[in-house]
Structures are given as structure tokens and as C-alpha cells.
């Protein structure tokens, strides 16, 4: 089974510590995990979350690659402009 978590900061950062125990239990049960925090910090605050780093992706909220893909998508798929134009 594959489980995908979108978190605020876990496994990095100080917030939402209750979710660490849940994620660790799911991992111990044998599930494949992918954790993507929406705004990760630079350091792991909770030592229990250290083992989750191998399952996590650290990406800043906005990065150059993401912006580039967005603009390429606007060129390749012009219908996306309808979403951006506010009337």
C-alpha cells in the first residue's frame, strides 16, 4: 500500500507533532510513504521524525523549477489562461 501525506512542515519544523506517531505507525505496518511538507524548514526539530526523512521530499513552497513549469504549461495549454483571468 502507498500512502501520501501532505503536511505543514513534518518531518521538518515544529508544528503538528501528533502526526509523527501516526506516520511512524503506518510506516511500521509496511506501507510505502511519500511525505511532502507545504513549507518545510531547514532542520528537523523532533528527533522521532528523523527516520521519516527517507520518505520525505524537501521543496520550498515556490521554487524556480515550479515557476518554469507553470509558464511552460501556460504556453502548451492555452486554456489555462481562462483560470487566471478574473472577470
C-alpha atoms as a PDB file:
ATOM      1  CA  UNK A   1       0.000   0.000   0.000  1.00  0.00           C
ATOM      2  CA  UNK A   2       1.198   3.525  -0.791  1.00  0.00           C
ATOM      3  CA  UNK A   3       0.304   6.443   1.486  1.00  0.00           C
ATOM      4  CA  UNK A   4       0.847  10.063   0.513  1.00  0.00           C
ATOM      5  CA  UNK A   5       0.979  12.749   3.233  1.00  0.00           C
ATOM      6  CA  UNK A   6       0.864  16.472   2.616  1.00  0.00           C
ATOM      7  CA  UNK A   7       1.856  18.171   5.844  1.00  0.00           C
ATOM      8  CA  UNK A   8       2.523  21.705   7.009  1.00  0.00           C
ATOM      9  CA  UNK A   9       6.172  21.038   7.943  1.00  0.00           C
ATOM     10  CA  UNK A  10       6.631  17.462   9.198  1.00  0.00           C
ATOM     11  CA  UNK A  11       9.185  15.862   9.215  1.00  0.00           C
ATOM     12  CA  UNK A  12      10.870  19.277   9.326  1.00  0.00           C
ATOM     13  CA  UNK A  13       9.669  22.029  11.639  1.00  0.00           C
ATOM     14  CA  UNK A  14       7.876  22.190  14.981  1.00  0.00           C
ATOM     15  CA  UNK A  15       4.196  22.019  14.109  1.00  0.00           C
ATOM     16  CA  UNK A  16       1.642  19.173  14.204  1.00  0.00           C
ATOM     17  CA  UNK A  17       3.736  16.756  16.243  1.00  0.00           C
ATOM     18  CA  UNK A  18       0.798  14.380  16.751  1.00  0.00           C
ATOM     19  CA  UNK A  19       1.050  13.250  13.128  1.00  0.00           C
ATOM     20  CA  UNK A  20       4.580  11.895  13.621  1.00  0.00           C
ATOM     21  CA  UNK A  21       3.314   8.953  15.681  1.00  0.00           C
ATOM     22  CA  UNK A  22       0.648   8.174  13.076  1.00  0.00           C
ATOM     23  CA  UNK A  23       3.107   8.278  10.175  1.00  0.00           C
ATOM     24  CA  UNK A  24       5.597   6.106  12.082  1.00  0.00           C
ATOM     25  CA  UNK A  25       2.867   3.531  12.804  1.00  0.00           C
ATOM     26  CA  UNK A  26       1.836   3.447   9.147  1.00  0.00           C
ATOM     27  CA  UNK A  27       5.481   3.014   8.136  1.00  0.00           C
ATOM     28  CA  UNK A  28       5.967   0.186  10.651  1.00  0.00           C
ATOM     29  CA  UNK A  29       2.877  -1.525   9.210  1.00  0.00           C
ATOM     30  CA  UNK A  30       4.772  -1.775   5.930  1.00  0.00           C
ATOM     31  CA  UNK A  31       3.180   0.962   3.848  1.00  0.00           C
ATOM     32  CA  UNK A  32       5.280   2.852   1.328  1.00  0.00           C
ATOM     33  CA  UNK A  33       5.251   6.523   2.286  1.00  0.00           C
ATOM     34  CA  UNK A  34       5.732   9.801   0.494  1.00  0.00           C
ATOM     35  CA  UNK A  35       5.663  12.917   2.675  1.00  0.00           C
ATOM     36  CA  UNK A  36       5.580  16.375   1.139  1.00  0.00           C
ATOM     37  CA  UNK A  37       5.508  19.313   3.535  1.00  0.00           C
ATOM     38  CA  UNK A  38       3.990  22.502   2.156  1.00  0.00           C
ATOM     39  CA  UNK A  39       6.538  24.821   3.813  1.00  0.00           C
ATOM     40  CA  UNK A  40       9.424  22.846   5.313  1.00  0.00           C
ATOM     41  CA  UNK A  41      12.045  24.469   7.478  1.00  0.00           C
ATOM     42  CA  UNK A  42      15.747  23.731   7.196  1.00  0.00           C
ATOM     43  CA  UNK A  43      16.120  21.489  10.237  1.00  0.00           C
ATOM     44  CA  UNK A  44      14.444  18.524  11.858  1.00  0.00           C
ATOM     45  CA  UNK A  45      13.060  19.651  15.224  1.00  0.00           C
ATOM     46  CA  UNK A  46      11.617  16.362  16.521  1.00  0.00           C
ATOM     47  CA  UNK A  47      14.130  13.526  16.720  1.00  0.00           C
ATOM     48  CA  UNK A  48      11.345  10.971  16.205  1.00  0.00           C
ATOM     49  CA  UNK A  49      10.814  12.428  12.749  1.00  0.00           C
ATOM     50  CA  UNK A  50      14.434  11.801  11.745  1.00  0.00           C
ATOM     51  CA  UNK A  51      13.601   8.316  10.400  1.00  0.00           C
ATOM     52  CA  UNK A  52      10.929   9.838   8.136  1.00  0.00           C
ATOM     53  CA  UNK A  53      13.443  11.847   6.113  1.00  0.00           C
ATOM     54  CA  UNK A  54      13.992   8.930   3.737  1.00  0.00           C
ATOM     55  CA  UNK A  55      10.297   9.147   2.827  1.00  0.00           C
ATOM     56  CA  UNK A  56      10.094  12.931   2.562  1.00  0.00           C
ATOM     57  CA  UNK A  57      10.671  15.428  -0.226  1.00  0.00           C
ATOM     58  CA  UNK A  58      12.003  18.857   0.715  1.00  0.00           C
ATOM     59  CA  UNK A  59      10.742  21.503  -1.681  1.00  0.00           C
ATOM     60  CA  UNK A  60      10.225  25.175  -0.928  1.00  0.00           C
ATOM     61  CA  UNK A  61       6.701  26.493  -1.412  1.00  0.00           C
ATOM     62  CA  UNK A  62       7.785  28.339  -4.555  1.00  0.00           C
ATOM     63  CA  UNK A  63      10.930  27.456  -6.466  1.00  0.00           C
ATOM     64  CA  UNK A  64      12.347  28.319  -9.899  1.00  0.00           C
ATOM     65  CA  UNK A  65      11.583  24.889 -11.378  1.00  0.00           C
ATOM     66  CA  UNK A  66       7.944  25.152 -10.312  1.00  0.00           C
ATOM     67  CA  UNK A  67       7.627  28.643 -11.817  1.00  0.00           C
ATOM     68  CA  UNK A  68       9.221  27.459 -15.067  1.00  0.00           C
ATOM     69  CA  UNK A  69       6.838  24.514 -15.365  1.00  0.00           C
ATOM     70  CA  UNK A  70       3.913  26.853 -14.718  1.00  0.00           C
ATOM     71  CA  UNK A  71       4.882  29.196 -17.565  1.00  0.00           C
ATOM     72  CA  UNK A  72       5.595  26.318 -19.952  1.00  0.00           C
ATOM     73  CA  UNK A  73       2.150  24.927 -19.121  1.00  0.00           C
ATOM     74  CA  UNK A  74       0.576  28.290 -19.983  1.00  0.00           C
ATOM     75  CA  UNK A  75       2.200  28.146 -23.423  1.00  0.00           C
ATOM     76  CA  UNK A  76       1.458  24.472 -24.108  1.00  0.00           C
ATOM     77  CA  UNK A  77      -2.090  24.560 -22.724  1.00  0.00           C
ATOM     78  CA  UNK A  78      -3.601  27.972 -23.514  1.00  0.00           C
ATOM     79  CA  UNK A  79      -6.945  27.023 -21.953  1.00  0.00           C
ATOM     80  CA  UNK A  80      -5.259  27.505 -18.539  1.00  0.00           C
ATOM     81  CA  UNK A  81      -5.437  31.261 -19.125  1.00  0.00           C
ATOM     82  CA  UNK A  82      -9.198  31.062 -18.526  1.00  0.00           C
ATOM     83  CA  UNK A  83      -8.499  30.116 -14.915  1.00  0.00           C
ATOM     84  CA  UNK A  84      -6.150  33.060 -14.418  1.00  0.00           C
ATOM     85  CA  UNK A  85      -8.276  35.781 -15.997  1.00  0.00           C
ATOM     86  CA  UNK A  86     -10.572  37.322 -13.405  1.00  0.00           C
ATOM     87  CA  UNK A  87     -13.700  38.994 -14.684  1.00  0.00           C
END
